[in-house]
């Protein structure tokens, strides 16, 4: 497939110089870079959040039927002057 890409001038100069040193075409260098990037992304895999649960039996009896306002109020009771 033929396509056009825009890259920064300094990156293009570096890439062309690197390709010349390696005796490969710019196309081959770009393809190599894309293959490496795609492989690295594939190896990273899917993010899985670790289980950070703590032991317990949920909300304590006085709060099981309460709402968030009641829970929040109880947290700050000891902080009142």
N, C-alpha and C. Protein backbone atom coordinates (compact mmCIF):
# COMPACT_ATOMS: atom_id res chain seq x y z
N UNK A 1 0.85 -1.17 0.00
CA UNK A 1 0.00 0.00 0.00
C UNK A 1 0.90 1.23 0.00
N UNK A 2 0.51 2.19 -0.76
CA UNK A 2 1.26 3.44 -0.80
C UNK A 2 0.50 4.46 0.04
N UNK A 3 1.22 5.18 0.89
CA UNK A 3 0.58 6.18 1.73
C UNK A 3 1.56 7.33 1.98
N UNK A 4 1.04 8.41 2.48
CA UNK A 4 1.86 9.58 2.80
C UNK A 4 1.74 9.83 4.29
N UNK A 5 2.88 10.06 4.94
CA UNK A 5 2.86 10.41 6.35
C UNK A 5 3.64 11.70 6.54
N UNK A 6 3.28 12.45 7.56
CA UNK A 6 4.01 13.66 7.91
C UNK A 6 4.71 13.42 9.23
N UNK A 7 6.01 13.66 9.23
CA UNK A 7 6.78 13.54 10.47
C UNK A 7 7.64 14.79 10.62
N UNK A 8 8.08 15.02 11.81
CA UNK A 8 8.90 16.20 12.10
C UNK A 8 10.17 16.18 11.26
N UNK A 9 10.61 17.35 10.82
CA UNK A 9 11.79 17.46 9.97
C UNK A 9 13.03 16.83 10.60
N UNK A 10 13.25 17.10 11.88
CA UNK A 10 14.44 16.54 12.54
C UNK A 10 14.38 15.02 12.61
N UNK A 11 13.18 14.48 12.83
CA UNK A 11 13.03 13.03 12.88
C UNK A 11 13.26 12.42 11.49
N UNK A 12 12.79 13.08 10.47
CA UNK A 12 13.00 12.60 9.10
C UNK A 12 14.49 12.57 8.77
N UNK A 13 15.21 13.63 9.15
CA UNK A 13 16.65 13.67 8.90
C UNK A 13 17.38 12.54 9.63
N UNK A 14 17.02 12.35 10.89
CA UNK A 14 17.64 11.27 11.66
C UNK A 14 17.33 9.90 11.06
N UNK A 15 16.08 9.71 10.66
CA UNK A 15 15.66 8.43 10.08
C UNK A 15 16.39 8.15 8.77
N UNK A 16 16.49 9.15 7.92
CA UNK A 16 17.19 8.97 6.64
C UNK A 16 18.67 8.65 6.87
N UNK A 17 19.29 9.34 7.81
CA UNK A 17 20.69 9.08 8.11
C UNK A 17 20.88 7.67 8.67
N UNK A 18 19.97 7.26 9.54
CA UNK A 18 20.05 5.92 10.12
C UNK A 18 19.87 4.86 9.03
N UNK A 19 18.89 5.06 8.17
CA UNK A 19 18.65 4.12 7.08
C UNK A 19 19.88 4.01 6.18
N UNK A 20 20.51 5.13 5.90
CA UNK A 20 21.72 5.11 5.05
C UNK A 20 22.84 4.33 5.73
N UNK A 21 23.03 4.56 7.04
CA UNK A 21 24.08 3.83 7.77
C UNK A 21 23.81 2.33 7.78
N UNK A 22 22.54 1.97 7.89
CA UNK A 22 22.16 0.56 7.93
C UNK A 22 22.05 -0.05 6.54
N UNK A 23 22.21 0.79 5.52
CA UNK A 23 22.10 0.36 4.14
C UNK A 23 20.73 -0.25 3.83
N UNK A 24 19.68 0.42 4.35
CA UNK A 24 18.30 0.01 4.07
C UNK A 24 17.54 1.23 3.60
N UNK A 25 16.35 1.00 3.07
CA UNK A 25 15.53 2.12 2.61
C UNK A 25 14.78 2.72 3.79
N UNK A 26 14.35 3.95 3.60
CA UNK A 26 13.53 4.60 4.63
C UNK A 26 12.25 3.79 4.84
N UNK A 27 11.70 3.26 3.74
CA UNK A 27 10.50 2.43 3.84
C UNK A 27 10.75 1.23 4.76
N UNK A 28 11.88 0.55 4.58
CA UNK A 28 12.19 -0.62 5.41
C UNK A 28 12.33 -0.22 6.87
N UNK A 29 12.94 0.93 7.12
CA UNK A 29 13.09 1.40 8.49
C UNK A 29 11.74 1.71 9.13
N UNK A 30 10.88 2.38 8.40
CA UNK A 30 9.54 2.70 8.91
C UNK A 30 8.75 1.42 9.18
N UNK A 31 8.82 0.47 8.26
CA UNK A 31 8.11 -0.80 8.46
C UNK A 31 8.64 -1.53 9.69
N UNK A 32 9.97 -1.53 9.87
CA UNK A 32 10.55 -2.18 11.05
C UNK A 32 10.04 -1.53 12.32
N UNK A 33 10.05 -0.21 12.33
CA UNK A 33 9.58 0.51 13.51
C UNK A 33 8.11 0.24 13.82
N UNK A 34 7.28 0.21 12.79
CA UNK A 34 5.86 -0.08 13.00
C UNK A 34 5.66 -1.49 13.54
N UNK A 35 6.41 -2.45 12.97
CA UNK A 35 6.28 -3.83 13.46
C UNK A 35 6.71 -3.95 14.93
N UNK A 36 7.79 -3.28 15.28
CA UNK A 36 8.24 -3.31 16.68
C UNK A 36 7.22 -2.68 17.61
N UNK A 37 6.67 -1.54 17.21
CA UNK A 37 5.68 -0.86 18.04
C UNK A 37 4.42 -1.70 18.21
N UNK A 38 3.95 -2.31 17.13
CA UNK A 38 2.74 -3.13 17.21
C UNK A 38 2.97 -4.38 18.05
N UNK A 39 4.14 -4.98 17.93
CA UNK A 39 4.46 -6.15 18.73
C UNK A 39 4.52 -5.78 20.21
N UNK A 40 5.15 -4.66 20.52
CA UNK A 40 5.27 -4.22 21.92
C UNK A 40 3.90 -3.95 22.52
N UNK A 41 3.02 -3.33 21.74
CA UNK A 41 1.67 -3.05 22.24
C UNK A 41 0.91 -4.35 22.49
N UNK A 42 1.10 -5.33 21.63
CA UNK A 42 0.43 -6.61 21.79
C UNK A 42 0.92 -7.39 22.99
N UNK A 43 2.22 -7.27 23.29
CA UNK A 43 2.80 -7.99 24.42
C UNK A 43 2.38 -7.40 25.75
N UNK A 44 2.04 -6.13 25.72
CA UNK A 44 1.67 -5.47 26.97
C UNK A 44 0.41 -6.09 27.55
N UNK A 45 -0.48 -6.53 26.70
CA UNK A 45 -1.69 -7.21 27.16
C UNK A 45 -2.71 -6.27 27.78
N UNK A 46 -3.74 -6.87 28.26
CA UNK A 46 -4.86 -6.14 28.84
C UNK A 46 -4.56 -5.82 30.29
N UNK A 47 -4.91 -4.63 30.72
CA UNK A 47 -4.70 -4.22 32.11
C UNK A 47 -5.71 -4.92 33.01
N UNK A 48 -5.23 -5.50 34.09
CA UNK A 48 -6.09 -6.15 35.07
C UNK A 48 -5.82 -5.50 36.42
N UNK A 49 -6.85 -4.95 37.01
CA UNK A 49 -6.74 -4.32 38.32
C UNK A 49 -6.60 -5.40 39.38
N UNK A 50 -5.60 -5.27 40.20
CA UNK A 50 -5.41 -6.27 41.25
C UNK A 50 -6.54 -6.19 42.27
N UNK A 51 -6.82 -7.30 42.90
CA UNK A 51 -7.86 -7.36 43.92
C UNK A 51 -7.30 -6.74 45.20
N UNK A 52 -7.82 -5.59 45.58
CA UNK A 52 -7.35 -4.90 46.78
C UNK A 52 -8.44 -4.92 47.86
N UNK A 53 -9.31 -5.91 47.78
CA UNK A 53 -10.38 -6.02 48.76
C UNK A 53 -9.81 -6.28 50.15
N UNK A 54 -10.55 -5.86 51.14
CA UNK A 54 -10.16 -6.12 52.52
C UNK A 54 -11.20 -7.04 53.14
N UNK A 55 -10.77 -7.77 54.12
CA UNK A 55 -11.71 -8.66 54.79
C UNK A 55 -12.76 -7.87 55.56
N UNK A 56 -13.88 -8.47 55.80
CA UNK A 56 -14.93 -7.80 56.56
C UNK A 56 -16.29 -8.31 56.15
N UNK A 57 -17.29 -7.76 56.79
CA UNK A 57 -18.65 -8.20 56.51
C UNK A 57 -19.51 -7.04 56.00
N UNK A 58 -18.87 -6.07 55.36
CA UNK A 58 -19.63 -4.96 54.82
C UNK A 58 -19.91 -3.91 55.87
N UNK A 59 -20.94 -3.14 55.65
CA UNK A 59 -21.30 -2.08 56.59
C UNK A 59 -21.75 -2.66 57.93
N UNK A 60 -21.41 -1.97 59.01
CA UNK A 60 -21.82 -2.39 60.34
C UNK A 60 -23.33 -2.20 60.49
N UNK A 61 -23.96 -2.96 61.38
CA UNK A 61 -25.42 -2.94 61.51
C UNK A 61 -26.06 -1.55 61.60
N UNK A 62 -25.50 -0.58 62.36
CA UNK A 62 -26.17 0.72 62.44
C UNK A 62 -26.24 1.46 61.09
N UNK A 63 -25.41 1.06 60.15
CA UNK A 63 -25.35 1.80 58.88
C UNK A 63 -25.92 1.02 57.69
N UNK A 64 -26.29 -0.21 57.88
CA UNK A 64 -26.76 -1.03 56.75
C UNK A 64 -27.99 -0.46 56.08
N UNK A 65 -28.86 0.12 56.83
CA UNK A 65 -30.09 0.68 56.26
C UNK A 65 -30.00 2.20 56.12
N UNK A 66 -28.85 2.76 56.43
CA UNK A 66 -28.69 4.21 56.39
C UNK A 66 -28.36 4.71 54.99
N UNK A 67 -28.30 6.02 54.89
CA UNK A 67 -27.91 6.62 53.63
C UNK A 67 -26.53 7.27 53.80
N UNK A 68 -25.95 7.80 52.72
CA UNK A 68 -24.62 8.38 52.78
C UNK A 68 -24.55 9.59 53.70
N UNK A 69 -25.61 10.34 53.80
CA UNK A 69 -25.60 11.50 54.69
C UNK A 69 -25.40 11.06 56.14
N UNK A 70 -26.06 9.98 56.54
CA UNK A 70 -25.93 9.47 57.91
C UNK A 70 -24.51 8.94 58.16
N UNK A 71 -23.97 8.24 57.19
CA UNK A 71 -22.61 7.71 57.33
C UNK A 71 -21.61 8.86 57.43
N UNK A 72 -21.74 9.85 56.56
CA UNK A 72 -20.83 11.00 56.58
C UNK A 72 -20.95 11.75 57.90
N UNK A 73 -22.14 11.92 58.39
CA UNK A 73 -22.36 12.62 59.66
C UNK A 73 -21.65 11.90 60.81
N UNK A 74 -21.70 10.56 60.81
CA UNK A 74 -21.07 9.81 61.89
C UNK A 74 -19.54 9.91 61.84
N UNK A 75 -18.99 10.08 60.66
CA UNK A 75 -17.54 10.20 60.51
C UNK A 75 -17.05 11.47 61.19
N UNK A 76 -17.80 12.54 61.07
CA UNK A 76 -17.35 13.84 61.57
C UNK A 76 -17.82 14.15 62.99
N UNK A 77 -18.58 13.27 63.63
CA UNK A 77 -19.06 13.53 64.98
C UNK A 77 -17.90 13.74 65.94
N UNK A 78 -16.87 12.93 65.85
CA UNK A 78 -15.75 13.03 66.80
C UNK A 78 -14.90 14.27 66.52
N UNK A 79 -15.08 14.93 65.39
CA UNK A 79 -14.26 16.10 65.05
C UNK A 79 -14.92 17.41 65.44
N UNK A 80 -16.11 17.35 65.97
CA UNK A 80 -16.80 18.58 66.36
C UNK A 80 -16.18 19.13 67.65
N UNK A 81 -16.11 20.44 67.73
CA UNK A 81 -15.54 21.08 68.94
C UNK A 81 -16.40 20.87 70.18
